Amino acid sequence: MARWSALLLASCVWLSGCASIWRVDSDVQSFSTLGAVAPGTAIRFDRLPSQQADAATQNALEALATPALAQVGLVPGPTPRFSVELGMQTLVIYPDTGRWGPGPLWYGPGRWGWPGRPQLWMPEPTRYQHQLKVVLRALDSGQVVFESRAVHEGFGGRIEDVLPAMFQAALQGFPNPPAGLRTVSIQPPQH
């Protein structure tokens, strides 16, 4: 019994340590035809017809994007040079009917577990995949000059913490981001 208590205590300490260094890892791919962009360049947000029906969601999305855009020198202003189009989708990945837990695993007739040990299984947690896109269009030509997509998959977290980190990841390297798919890790602010 003391062995199980020690294992439980060690698990709690490990999990509390992980909670203090939580990071949002996003798979990012960006495309740009921009050269340099002056700090303080004015932008405006544009919405697709499908986004205009849910103004509250788009207002919240734009509010979460504004600090990350400001970090790369793009700020809402009266004489915009670029329009910014934002999109976000969340997919819920429900657990399968299998079992989830720590290894090593042993499968016997009609059960999973460790040979000769109690079965400490729990159901697989629900995962969430957040997909985010940022598109900049030059207002003078109407051409798309920057496009970035970020995808984050995790077991939860407050969307108010996840999305700002994803916006930072999507805009990393702006206006000339690295080519190809990359993983960007951002630590959200602690509350």
C-alpha atoms as a PDB file:
ATOM      1  CA  MET A   1       0.000   0.000   0.000  1.00  0.00           C
ATOM      2  CA  ALA A   2       2.874   2.374   0.756  1.00  0.00           C
ATOM      3  CA  ARG A   3       4.159   1.702  -2.748  1.00  0.00           C
ATOM      4  CA  TRP A   4       0.836   2.846  -4.288  1.00  0.00           C
ATOM      5  CA  SER A   5       0.776   5.941  -2.058  1.00  0.00           C
ATOM      6  CA  ALA A   6       4.285   6.884  -3.149  1.00  0.00           C
ATOM      7  CA  LEU A   7       3.359   6.341  -6.802  1.00  0.00           C
ATOM      8  CA  LEU A   8       0.233   8.490  -6.403  1.00  0.00           C
ATOM      9  CA  LEU A   9       2.194  11.273  -4.675  1.00  0.00           C
ATOM     10  CA  ALA A  10       4.884  11.206  -7.378  1.00  0.00           C
ATOM     11  CA  SER A  11       2.207  11.384 -10.075  1.00  0.00           C
ATOM     12  CA  CYS A  12       0.580  14.408  -8.430  1.00  0.00           C
ATOM     13  CA  VAL A  13       3.916  16.215  -8.131  1.00  0.00           C
ATOM     14  CA  TRP A  14       4.745  15.430 -11.770  1.00  0.00           C
ATOM     15  CA  LEU A  15       1.340  16.604 -12.992  1.00  0.00           C
ATOM     16  CA  SER A  16       1.495  19.832 -10.987  1.00  0.00           C
ATOM     17  CA  GLY A  17       4.927  20.516 -12.486  1.00  0.00           C
ATOM     18  CA  CYS A  18       3.538  19.938 -15.980  1.00  0.00           C
ATOM     19  CA  ALA A  19       0.673  22.323 -15.358  1.00  0.00           C
ATOM     20  CA  SER A  20       3.077  25.154 -14.585  1.00  0.00           C
ATOM     21  CA  ILE A  21       4.936  24.782 -17.906  1.00  0.00           C
ATOM     22  CA  TRP A  22       1.998  24.143 -20.226  1.00  0.00           C
ATOM     23  CA  ARG A  23       2.728  24.972 -23.860  1.00  0.00           C
ATOM     24  CA  VAL A  24       0.580  25.112 -26.971  1.00  0.00           C
ATOM     25  CA  ASP A  25       2.240  23.242 -29.830  1.00  0.00           C
ATOM     26  CA  SER A  26       0.859  24.162 -33.253  1.00  0.00           C
ATOM     27  CA  ASP A  27       1.674  22.758 -36.663  1.00  0.00           C
ATOM     28  CA  VAL A  28       2.068  25.859 -38.827  1.00  0.00           C
ATOM     29  CA  GLN A  29       2.428  26.428 -42.543  1.00  0.00           C
ATOM     30  CA  SER A  30       2.736  29.958 -43.922  1.00  0.00           C
ATOM     31  CA  PHE A  31       3.034  31.523 -47.363  1.00  0.00           C
ATOM     32  CA  SER A  32       4.069  35.115 -48.066  1.00  0.00           C
ATOM     33  CA  THR A  33       4.848  37.399 -50.981  1.00  0.00           C
ATOM     34  CA  LEU A  34       5.579  40.359 -48.709  1.00  0.00           C
ATOM     35  CA  GLY A  35       8.890  42.116 -48.305  1.00  0.00           C
ATOM     36  CA  ALA A  36       9.146  44.342 -45.254  1.00  0.00           C
ATOM     37  CA  VAL A  37       6.166  45.762 -43.388  1.00  0.00           C
ATOM     38  CA  ALA A  38       6.571  48.963 -41.398  1.00  0.00           C
ATOM     39  CA  PRO A  39       5.604  48.813 -37.710  1.00  0.00           C
ATOM     40  CA  GLY A  40       2.186  50.340 -37.120  1.00  0.00           C
ATOM     41  CA  THR A  41       0.837  49.380 -40.554  1.00  0.00           C
ATOM     42  CA  ALA A  42      -2.955  49.791 -40.494  1.00  0.00           C
ATOM     43  CA  ILE A  43      -5.299  46.849 -41.107  1.00  0.00           C
ATOM     44  CA  ARG A  44      -9.001  46.172 -41.106  1.00  0.00           C
ATOM     45  CA  PHE A  45     -10.847  42.931 -40.444  1.00  0.00           C
ATOM     46  CA  ASP A  46     -12.964  41.505 -43.246  1.00  0.00           C
ATOM     47  CA  ARG A  47     -15.586  38.817 -42.782  1.00  0.00           C
ATOM     48  CA  LEU A  48     -16.897  36.209 -45.170  1.00  0.00           C
ATOM     49  CA  PRO A  49     -20.689  36.071 -45.621  1.00  0.00           C
ATOM     50  CA  SER A  50     -20.799  32.898 -43.501  1.00  0.00           C
ATOM     51  CA  GLN A  51     -18.969  34.716 -40.674  1.00  0.00           C
ATOM     52  CA  GLN A  52     -21.300  37.715 -40.657  1.00  0.00           C
ATOM     53  CA  ALA A  53     -24.159  35.638 -39.260  1.00  0.00           C
ATOM     54  CA  ASP A  54     -22.252  34.999 -36.002  1.00  0.00           C
ATOM     55  CA  ALA A  55     -20.914  38.458 -35.157  1.00  0.00           C
ATOM     56  CA  ALA A  56     -20.231  37.643 -31.482  1.00  0.00           C
ATOM     57  CA  THR A  57     -17.875  34.786 -32.367  1.00  0.00           C
ATOM     58  CA  GLN A  58     -16.046  36.857 -34.992  1.00  0.00           C
ATOM     59  CA  ASN A  59     -15.729  39.809 -32.588  1.00  0.00           C
ATOM     60  CA  ALA A  60     -14.165  37.500 -29.995  1.00  0.00           C
ATOM     61  CA  LEU A  61     -11.832  35.944 -32.587  1.00  0.00           C
ATOM     62  CA  GLU A  62     -10.687  39.373 -33.783  1.00  0.00           C
ATOM     63  CA  ALA A  63     -10.119  40.497 -30.185  1.00  0.00           C
ATOM     64  CA  LEU A  64      -7.952  37.422 -29.527  1.00  0.00           C
ATOM     65  CA  ALA A  65      -5.975  38.012 -32.754  1.00  0.00           C
ATOM     66  CA  THR A  66      -5.333  41.739 -32.259  1.00  0.00           C
ATOM     67  CA  PRO A  67      -2.424  41.406 -29.735  1.00  0.00           C
ATOM     68  CA  ALA A  68      -0.584  38.888 -31.941  1.00  0.00           C
ATOM     69  CA  LEU A  69      -1.101  41.104 -35.005  1.00  0.00           C
ATOM     70  CA  ALA A  70       0.184  44.122 -33.037  1.00  0.00           C
ATOM     71  CA  GLN A  71       3.343  42.152 -32.101  1.00  0.00           C
ATOM     72  CA  VAL A  72       4.205  41.897 -35.812  1.00  0.00           C
ATOM     73  CA  GLY A  73       3.367  45.566 -36.505  1.00  0.00           C
ATOM     74  CA  LEU A  74      -0.226  45.294 -37.782  1.00  0.00           C
ATOM     75  CA  VAL A  75      -2.817  47.427 -35.977  1.00  0.00           C
ATOM     76  CA  PRO A  76      -6.435  48.296 -36.769  1.00  0.00           C
ATOM     77  CA  GLY A  77      -6.524  51.825 -38.146  1.00  0.00           C
ATOM     78  CA  PRO A  78      -8.474  54.367 -40.170  1.00  0.00           C
ATOM     79  CA  THR A  79      -6.478  54.051 -43.430  1.00  0.00           C
ATOM     80  CA  PRO A  80      -5.751  50.333 -43.736  1.00  0.00           C
ATOM     81  CA  ARG A  81      -3.158  48.911 -46.114  1.00  0.00           C
ATOM     82  CA  PHE A  82      -4.270  45.293 -45.621  1.00  0.00           C
ATOM     83  CA  SER A  83      -7.481  43.469 -44.879  1.00  0.00           C
ATOM     84  CA  VAL A  84      -7.262  40.535 -42.467  1.00  0.00           C
ATOM     85  CA  GLU A  85      -9.525  37.529 -42.753  1.00  0.00           C
ATOM     86  CA  LEU A  86      -9.630  35.095 -39.820  1.00  0.00           C
ATOM     87  CA  GLY A  87     -11.105  31.630 -39.616  1.00  0.00           C
ATOM     88  CA  MET A  88     -11.306  29.058 -36.855  1.00  0.00           C
ATOM     89  CA  GLN A  89     -12.777  25.586 -36.567  1.00  0.00           C
ATOM     90  CA  THR A  90     -12.725  23.114 -33.696  1.00  0.00           C
ATOM     91  CA  LEU A  91     -13.101  19.394 -34.224  1.00  0.00           C
ATOM     92  CA  VAL A  92     -13.969  17.116 -31.319  1.00  0.00           C
ATOM     93  CA  ILE A  93     -12.186  13.766 -31.460  1.00  0.00           C
ATOM     94  CA  TYR A  94     -14.170  11.375 -29.326  1.00  0.00           C
ATOM     95  CA  PRO A  95     -12.449   8.408 -27.721  1.00  0.00           C
ATOM     96  CA  ASP A  96     -12.702   5.040 -29.384  1.00  0.00           C
ATOM     97  CA  THR A  97     -14.099   2.000 -27.616  1.00  0.00           C
ATOM     98  CA  GLY A  98     -10.641   0.719 -26.736  1.00  0.00           C
ATOM     99  CA  ARG A  99      -8.871   1.320 -23.478  1.00  0.00           C
ATOM    100  CA  TRP A 100      -6.234   3.888 -22.679  1.00  0.00           C
ATOM    101  CA  GLY A 101      -3.626   3.881 -19.965  1.00  0.00           C
ATOM    102  CA  PRO A 102       0.037   3.396 -19.131  1.00  0.00           C
ATOM    103  CA  GLY A 103       2.080   0.469 -20.492  1.00  0.00           C
ATOM    104  CA  PRO A 104       3.429  -2.158 -20.541  1.00  0.00           C
ATOM    105  CA  LEU A 105       0.244  -3.802 -21.670  1.00  0.00           C
ATOM    106  CA  TRP A 106      -0.897  -7.382 -21.520  1.00  0.00           C
ATOM    107  CA  TYR A 107      -3.964  -8.680 -23.223  1.00  0.00           C
ATOM    108  CA  GLY A 108      -5.698 -11.760 -21.894  1.00  0.00           C
ATOM    109  CA  PRO A 109      -9.011 -13.374 -22.719  1.00  0.00           C
ATOM    110  CA  GLY A 110     -11.553 -10.576 -22.370  1.00  0.00           C
ATOM    111  CA  ARG A 111      -9.354  -8.113 -20.491  1.00  0.00           C
ATOM    112  CA  TRP A 112      -6.430  -5.717 -20.698  1.00  0.00           C
ATOM    113  CA  GLY A 113      -3.913  -5.028 -17.981  1.00  0.00           C
ATOM    114  CA  TRP A 114      -0.671  -6.173 -16.426  1.00  0.00           C
ATOM    115  CA  PRO A 115      -0.202  -9.823 -15.557  1.00  0.00           C
ATOM    116  CA  GLY A 116      -0.927 -10.334 -11.860  1.00  0.00           C
ATOM    117  CA  ARG A 117      -1.596  -6.628 -11.178  1.00  0.00           C
ATOM    118  CA  PRO A 118      -4.782  -4.619 -10.619  1.00  0.00           C
ATOM    119  CA  GLN A 119      -6.175  -2.992 -13.724  1.00  0.00           C
ATOM    120  CA  LEU A 120      -5.868   0.784 -13.408  1.00  0.00           C
ATOM    121  CA  TRP A 121      -7.591   1.787 -16.616  1.00  0.00           C
ATOM    122  CA  MET A 122      -9.514   4.916 -17.326  1.00  0.00           C
ATOM    123  CA  PRO A 123     -11.431   5.913 -20.432  1.00  0.00           C
ATOM    124  CA  GLU A 124      -9.496   7.669 -23.161  1.00  0.00           C
ATOM    125  CA  PRO A 125      -9.981  11.455 -22.859  1.00  0.00           C
ATOM    126  CA  THR A 126     -11.711  13.492 -25.543  1.00  0.00           C
ATOM    127  CA  ARG A 127      -9.275  15.433 -27.724  1.00  0.00           C
ATOM    128  CA  TYR A 128      -9.858  18.728 -29.494  1.00  0.00           C
ATOM    129  CA  GLN A 129      -8.293  19.872 -32.755  1.00  0.00           C
ATOM    130  CA  HIS A 130      -8.325  23.633 -33.304  1.00  0.00           C
ATOM    131  CA  GLN A 131      -7.670  24.847 -36.845  1.00  0.00           C
ATOM    132  CA  LEU A 132      -6.866  28.507 -37.396  1.00  0.00           C
ATOM    133  CA  LYS A 133      -6.186  30.555 -40.519  1.00  0.00           C
ATOM    134  CA  VAL A 134      -4.961  34.107 -41.059  1.00  0.00           C
ATOM    135  CA  VAL A 135      -5.134  35.685 -44.530  1.00  0.00           C
ATOM    136  CA  LEU A 136      -3.819  39.168 -45.421  1.00  0.00           C
ATOM    137  CA  ARG A 137      -4.958  40.838 -48.614  1.00  0.00           C
ATOM    138  CA  ALA A 138      -3.409  44.007 -50.045  1.00  0.00           C
ATOM    139  CA  LEU A 139      -6.226  46.539 -50.398  1.00  0.00           C
ATOM    140  CA  ASP A 140      -4.624  48.352 -53.347  1.00  0.00           C
ATOM    141  CA  SER A 141      -4.404  45.211 -55.525  1.00  0.00           C
ATOM    142  CA  GLY A 142      -6.865  42.814 -53.905  1.00  0.00           C
ATOM    143  CA  GLN A 143      -4.168  40.103 -53.924  1.00  0.00           C
ATOM    144  CA  VAL A 144      -3.537  37.712 -51.034  1.00  0.00           C
ATOM    145  CA  VAL A 145      -0.028  38.532 -49.778  1.00  0.00           C
ATOM    146  CA  PHE A 146       0.155  36.367 -46.655  1.00  0.00           C
ATOM    147  CA  GLU A 147      -1.579  33.154 -45.597  1.00  0.00           C
ATOM    148  CA  SER A 148      -0.914  31.081 -42.514  1.00  0.00           C
ATOM    149  CA  ARG A 149      -2.610  28.042 -41.012  1.00  0.00           C
ATOM    150  CA  ALA A 150      -2.057  26.660 -37.521  1.00  0.00           C
ATOM    151  CA  VAL A 151      -3.405  23.384 -36.119  1.00  0.00           C
ATOM    152  CA  HIS A 152      -3.274  22.443 -32.432  1.00  0.00           C
ATOM    153  CA  GLU A 153      -4.532  19.205 -30.957  1.00  0.00           C
ATOM    154  CA  GLY A 154      -4.917  18.721 -27.228  1.00  0.00           C
ATOM    155  CA  PHE A 155      -7.049  17.359 -24.422  1.00  0.00           C
ATOM    156  CA  GLY A 156      -8.589  20.643 -23.392  1.00  0.00           C
ATOM    157  CA  GLY A 157      -7.437  23.965 -22.112  1.00  0.00           C
ATOM    158  CA  ARG A 158      -9.312  27.232 -22.137  1.00  0.00           C
ATOM    159  CA  ILE A 159      -9.920  28.400 -25.692  1.00  0.00           C
ATOM    160  CA  GLU A 160      -9.089  31.932 -24.485  1.00  0.00           C
ATOM    161  CA  ASP A 161      -5.544  30.670 -23.744  1.00  0.00           C
ATOM    162  CA  VAL A 162      -5.121  28.351 -26.727  1.00  0.00           C
ATOM    163  CA  LEU A 163      -6.167  30.727 -29.522  1.00  0.00           C
ATOM    164  CA  PRO A 164      -3.831  33.667 -28.681  1.00  0.00           C
ATOM    165  CA  ALA A 165      -0.915  31.206 -28.607  1.00  0.00           C
ATOM    166  CA  MET A 166      -2.050  29.780 -31.950  1.00  0.00           C
ATOM    167  CA  PHE A 167      -2.230  33.304 -33.446  1.00  0.00           C
ATOM    168  CA  GLN A 168       1.328  33.969 -32.237  1.00  0.00           C
ATOM    169  CA  ALA A 169       2.438  30.688 -33.803  1.00  0.00           C
ATOM    170  CA  ALA A 170       0.671  31.445 -37.105  1.00  0.00           C
ATOM    171  CA  LEU A 171       2.348  34.860 -37.323  1.00  0.00           C
ATOM    172  CA  GLN A 172       5.820  33.737 -36.248  1.00  0.00           C
ATOM    173  CA  GLY A 173       8.391  35.015 -38.730  1.00  0.00           C
ATOM    174  CA  PHE A 174       5.992  37.542 -40.308  1.00  0.00           C
ATOM    175  CA  PRO A 175       6.339  38.970 -42.954  1.00  0.00           C
ATOM    176  CA  ASN A 176       8.838  36.355 -44.201  1.00  0.00           C
ATOM    177  CA  PRO A 177       8.067  33.103 -42.346  1.00  0.00           C
ATOM    178  CA  PRO A 178      10.100  29.931 -42.860  1.00  0.00           C
ATOM    179  CA  ALA A 179       8.972  27.731 -45.734  1.00  0.00           C
ATOM    180  CA  GLY A 180       7.321  24.380 -45.122  1.00  0.00           C
ATOM    181  CA  LEU A 181       5.425  22.810 -42.272  1.00  0.00           C
ATOM    182  CA  ARG A 182       6.870  23.458 -38.826  1.00  0.00           C
ATOM    183  CA  THR A 183       5.885  23.001 -35.195  1.00  0.00           C
ATOM    184  CA  VAL A 184       5.776  26.173 -33.111  1.00  0.00           C
ATOM    185  CA  SER A 185       5.548  25.976 -29.318  1.00  0.00           C
ATOM    186  CA  ILE A 186       4.145  28.965 -27.395  1.00  0.00           C
ATOM    187  CA  GLN A 187       3.631  29.246 -23.635  1.00  0.00           C
ATOM    188  CA  PRO A 188       0.302  30.941 -22.876  1.00  0.00           C
ATOM    189  CA  PRO A 189       0.142  33.452 -20.039  1.00  0.00           C
ATOM    190  CA  GLN A 190      -0.436  31.911 -16.615  1.00  0.00           C
ATOM    191  CA  HIS A 191      -3.657  32.766 -14.775  1.00  0.00           C
END
